[in-house]
């Protein structure tokens, strides 16, 4: 597997792609990224993506070209197949708990999708409250940090780093209050933001791309109560 080459089929904003990119970089693996337009998916992509979604991980080696789909499966393959620090706990029970929190992270992404696309004020308020409740649950789970499992960076961290990245942009737009009083969540967010793999998981123009996405969907987030002045400028 060490002699294989890796290609991560991507989209510029996709948080699930970021998970896989972070896992690869945590393992020190070299890989190429190929980004596609999800509004005009190329035929070659549809031929190898059973669900028509990113990420895909293409593995080219002596036995030919093979493809993995679904970010959780990709991350676990990376952890098991590549040398470097293990990203999943060794204990089966703790590992299963981590898988549960990975799914919990996906539920948060579903809420964020509504937050960044809805034009309905009631739906926005409902999802904002849902996010506040979920992060309060995470606050109760966290210990001393700096990562989810303490000193050891895990796949759960790779899942939540892209989640917090959304809020780097949202914070410049609105006083959402989602993390109010959640000291451990805030510290975790800060620790992940400083991680080299997390920083490198997206291009430098990520904030501008996300803002363009919000404007494309005419998201009520841009005009919600509590907006900051100069909401259209992200620095």
Protein backbone atom coordinates (compact mmCIF):
# COMPACT_ATOMS: atom_id res chain seq x y z
CA UNK A 1 0.00 0.00 0.00
CA UNK A 2 2.95 2.31 0.64
CA UNK A 3 3.80 2.16 -3.08
CA UNK A 4 0.27 3.11 -4.12
CA UNK A 5 -0.66 6.59 -5.28
CA UNK A 6 -3.80 8.32 -4.04
CA UNK A 7 -6.22 10.68 -5.71
CA UNK A 8 -8.93 12.38 -3.65
CA UNK A 9 -11.93 13.29 -5.82
CA UNK A 10 -13.18 16.46 -4.22
CA UNK A 11 -15.32 19.56 -4.12
CA UNK A 12 -13.98 22.87 -2.82
CA UNK A 13 -16.53 23.26 -0.01
CA UNK A 14 -17.38 19.67 0.90
CA UNK A 15 -16.78 18.95 4.62
CA UNK A 16 -16.73 15.21 3.95
CA UNK A 17 -13.84 15.67 1.54
CA UNK A 18 -12.02 17.63 4.24
CA UNK A 19 -12.30 14.65 6.60
CA UNK A 20 -10.46 12.42 4.17
CA UNK A 21 -7.86 15.06 3.33
CA UNK A 22 -7.13 15.59 7.03
CA UNK A 23 -6.78 11.85 7.62
CA UNK A 24 -4.36 11.50 4.70
CA UNK A 25 -2.24 14.39 5.93
CA UNK A 26 -2.22 13.08 9.50
CA UNK A 27 -0.70 9.90 8.07
CA UNK A 28 1.83 11.88 6.07
CA UNK A 29 0.47 10.47 2.80
CA UNK A 30 1.04 12.23 -0.50
CA UNK A 31 -2.07 12.58 -2.64
CA UNK A 32 -3.50 14.49 -5.56
CA UNK A 33 -6.80 16.32 -5.38
CA UNK A 34 -9.19 16.52 -8.32
CA UNK A 35 -12.15 18.83 -7.79
CA UNK A 36 -15.39 18.46 -9.73
CA UNK A 37 -18.46 20.61 -10.24
CA UNK A 38 -21.27 18.86 -8.36
CA UNK A 39 -23.87 20.72 -10.41
CA UNK A 40 -22.46 19.18 -13.60
CA UNK A 41 -20.97 15.86 -12.58
CA UNK A 42 -18.75 14.39 -15.28
CA UNK A 43 -19.60 10.95 -16.66
CA UNK A 44 -16.29 9.46 -15.50
CA UNK A 45 -17.19 10.46 -11.94
CA UNK A 46 -20.69 8.98 -12.10
CA UNK A 47 -19.20 5.76 -13.45
CA UNK A 48 -17.14 5.23 -10.29
CA UNK A 49 -19.29 6.89 -7.60
CA UNK A 50 -22.22 4.64 -6.61
CA UNK A 51 -23.97 7.48 -4.77
CA UNK A 52 -22.84 10.29 -7.05
CA UNK A 53 -21.16 12.02 -4.10
CA UNK A 54 -17.69 13.14 -3.06
CA UNK A 55 -15.28 12.20 -1.68
CA UNK A 56 -13.89 9.30 -3.62
CA UNK A 57 -10.44 7.92 -2.96
CA UNK A 58 -8.80 6.37 -6.00
CA UNK A 59 -5.92 4.05 -5.20
CA UNK A 60 -3.53 3.26 -8.05
CA UNK A 61 -0.99 0.50 -7.55
CA UNK A 62 0.45 -2.70 -8.91
CA UNK A 63 -2.97 -4.36 -8.88
CA UNK A 64 -4.57 -1.56 -10.89
CA UNK A 65 -6.95 1.22 -9.95
CA UNK A 66 -9.46 0.83 -7.13
CA UNK A 67 -11.97 3.30 -5.71
CA UNK A 68 -13.47 3.84 -2.27
CA UNK A 69 -16.55 5.95 -1.56
CA UNK A 70 -18.13 7.42 1.62
CA UNK A 71 -15.94 9.50 3.91
CA UNK A 72 -16.20 7.30 7.03
CA UNK A 73 -15.11 4.22 5.08
CA UNK A 74 -12.30 6.19 3.43
CA UNK A 75 -11.01 7.54 6.74
CA UNK A 76 -11.02 4.11 8.36
CA UNK A 77 -9.22 2.60 5.37
CA UNK A 78 -6.58 5.35 5.58
CA UNK A 79 -6.13 4.67 9.28
CA UNK A 80 -5.83 0.90 8.89
CA UNK A 81 -3.84 0.69 5.66
CA UNK A 82 -1.28 3.47 5.99
CA UNK A 83 1.64 3.75 8.40
CA UNK A 84 1.71 6.50 10.97
CA UNK A 85 -0.19 7.30 14.16
CA UNK A 86 -3.49 5.45 14.54
CA UNK A 87 -6.49 7.74 14.38
CA UNK A 88 -9.01 5.32 15.90
CA UNK A 89 -8.82 4.08 19.50
CA UNK A 90 -7.55 0.54 20.06
CA UNK A 91 -10.29 -0.34 22.54
CA UNK A 92 -13.33 -1.75 20.67
CA UNK A 93 -15.88 -0.03 22.91
CA UNK A 94 -14.18 3.37 22.69
CA UNK A 95 -13.74 2.92 18.94
CA UNK A 96 -17.46 2.22 18.58
CA UNK A 97 -18.24 5.33 20.65
CA UNK A 98 -16.04 7.35 18.31
CA UNK A 99 -17.96 6.01 15.32
CA UNK A 100 -21.14 7.16 17.03
CA UNK A 101 -19.75 10.68 17.49
CA UNK A 102 -18.69 10.70 13.85
CA UNK A 103 -22.34 10.10 12.92
CA UNK A 104 -23.33 12.79 15.41
CA UNK A 105 -21.05 15.14 13.47
CA UNK A 106 -22.88 14.24 10.27
CA UNK A 107 -26.18 15.18 11.94
CA UNK A 108 -24.67 18.57 12.75
CA UNK A 109 -23.69 19.01 9.10
CA UNK A 110 -27.32 18.33 8.14
CA UNK A 111 -28.40 21.18 10.44
CA UNK A 112 -25.71 23.47 9.03
CA UNK A 113 -26.92 22.73 5.50
CA UNK A 114 -30.32 24.14 6.43
CA UNK A 115 -28.71 27.09 8.22
CA UNK A 116 -26.74 28.06 5.10
CA UNK A 117 -29.45 27.43 2.49
CA UNK A 118 -32.84 28.21 4.02
CA UNK A 119 -34.75 31.37 3.23
CA UNK A 120 -37.26 30.64 6.01
CA UNK A 121 -36.77 32.43 9.35
CA UNK A 122 -38.53 29.72 11.37
CA UNK A 123 -36.40 26.94 9.89
CA UNK A 124 -33.30 29.01 10.57
CA UNK A 125 -34.24 29.55 14.22
CA UNK A 126 -35.07 25.86 14.68
CA UNK A 127 -31.75 24.68 13.31
CA UNK A 128 -29.80 27.28 15.26
CA UNK A 129 -31.37 25.96 18.46
CA UNK A 130 -30.73 22.37 17.37
CA UNK A 131 -27.05 23.18 16.87
CA UNK A 132 -26.80 24.87 20.26
CA UNK A 133 -28.33 21.79 21.90
CA UNK A 134 -26.01 19.39 20.09
CA UNK A 135 -22.88 21.33 20.96
CA UNK A 136 -24.02 21.41 24.60
CA UNK A 137 -24.13 17.61 24.43
CA UNK A 138 -20.61 17.59 23.08
CA UNK A 139 -19.48 19.93 25.85
CA UNK A 140 -20.56 17.29 28.36
CA UNK A 141 -18.54 14.62 26.53
CA UNK A 142 -15.27 16.53 26.20
CA UNK A 143 -12.49 16.26 28.77
CA UNK A 144 -9.30 18.31 29.01
CA UNK A 145 -8.36 18.31 25.32
CA UNK A 146 -6.90 19.72 23.23
CA UNK A 147 -8.63 17.10 21.08
CA UNK A 148 -11.78 15.01 21.37
CA UNK A 149 -9.89 12.13 22.98
CA UNK A 150 -7.50 14.30 24.97
CA UNK A 151 -3.94 14.50 23.66
CA UNK A 152 -4.56 12.08 20.77
CA UNK A 153 -5.87 13.39 17.43
CA UNK A 154 -8.60 11.06 16.11
CA UNK A 155 -10.98 10.66 13.21
CA UNK A 156 -13.63 12.40 15.33
CA UNK A 157 -11.39 15.48 15.21
CA UNK A 158 -11.15 15.13 11.43
CA UNK A 159 -14.97 15.09 11.35
CA UNK A 160 -15.47 18.17 13.50
CA UNK A 161 -12.70 20.37 12.12
CA UNK A 162 -14.69 21.09 8.91
CA UNK A 163 -17.77 21.77 11.03
CA UNK A 164 -15.98 24.45 13.01
CA UNK A 165 -14.59 25.90 9.77
CA UNK A 166 -18.13 26.88 8.74
CA UNK A 167 -18.38 28.97 11.87
CA UNK A 168 -15.18 30.83 11.04
CA UNK A 169 -17.27 32.38 8.27
CA UNK A 170 -20.58 32.49 10.13
CA UNK A 171 -18.97 34.34 13.05
CA UNK A 172 -18.13 37.20 10.70
CA UNK A 173 -21.79 37.45 9.69
CA UNK A 174 -23.95 36.90 12.76
CA UNK A 175 -23.90 36.71 16.55
CA UNK A 176 -25.41 33.22 16.54
CA UNK A 177 -24.66 32.37 20.17
CA UNK A 178 -24.34 28.66 19.45
CA UNK A 179 -21.14 28.24 21.50
CA UNK A 180 -22.07 30.56 24.36
CA UNK A 181 -20.93 29.11 27.68
CA UNK A 182 -19.28 26.06 26.06
CA UNK A 183 -15.70 26.53 27.20
CA UNK A 184 -14.50 23.06 26.24
CA UNK A 185 -16.07 23.21 22.78
CA UNK A 186 -14.47 26.61 22.21
CA UNK A 187 -11.06 25.28 23.31
CA UNK A 188 -11.47 22.22 21.08
CA UNK A 189 -12.38 24.41 18.14
CA UNK A 190 -9.29 26.53 18.77
CA UNK A 191 -7.03 23.49 19.00
CA UNK A 192 -8.33 22.03 15.75
CA UNK A 193 -7.99 25.34 13.91
CA UNK A 194 -4.28 25.41 14.77
CA UNK A 195 -3.63 21.90 13.43
CA UNK A 196 -1.53 21.86 10.24
CA UNK A 197 -3.66 19.17 8.55
CA UNK A 198 -6.84 21.14 9.27
CA UNK A 199 -5.42 24.35 7.86
CA UNK A 200 -4.29 22.59 4.67
CA UNK A 201 -7.58 20.74 4.08
CA UNK A 202 -9.06 23.63 2.07
CA UNK A 203 -7.73 26.27 -0.31
CA UNK A 204 -7.08 29.83 0.82
CA UNK A 205 -10.21 31.04 -0.99
CA UNK A 206 -12.56 28.83 1.08
CA UNK A 207 -14.23 31.81 2.90
CA UNK A 208 -14.94 33.58 -0.37
CA UNK A 209 -16.35 30.40 -1.92
CA UNK A 210 -18.61 29.82 1.07
CA UNK A 211 -19.85 33.40 1.00
CA UNK A 212 -20.61 33.03 -2.71
CA UNK A 213 -22.56 29.85 -1.89
CA UNK A 214 -24.62 31.72 0.74
CA UNK A 215 -25.41 34.50 -1.71
CA UNK A 216 -26.32 32.02 -4.43
CA UNK A 217 -28.92 30.47 -2.12
CA UNK A 218 -30.06 33.89 -0.85
CA UNK A 219 -29.58 32.40 2.62
CA UNK A 220 -31.48 34.10 5.40
CA UNK A 221 -28.26 33.74 7.41
CA UNK A 222 -27.11 36.87 5.57
CA UNK A 223 -30.10 38.86 6.83
CA UNK A 224 -30.92 37.11 10.10
CA UNK A 225 -31.47 39.06 13.35
CA UNK A 226 -28.17 39.64 15.12
CA UNK A 227 -26.19 40.22 11.95
CA UNK A 228 -22.91 42.03 12.32
CA UNK A 229 -22.18 45.19 10.32
CA UNK A 230 -20.49 44.56 6.97
CA UNK A 231 -21.91 41.04 6.87
CA UNK A 232 -20.87 40.58 3.27
CA UNK A 233 -17.20 41.01 4.02
CA UNK A 234 -15.28 38.05 5.43
CA UNK A 235 -11.69 38.70 6.50
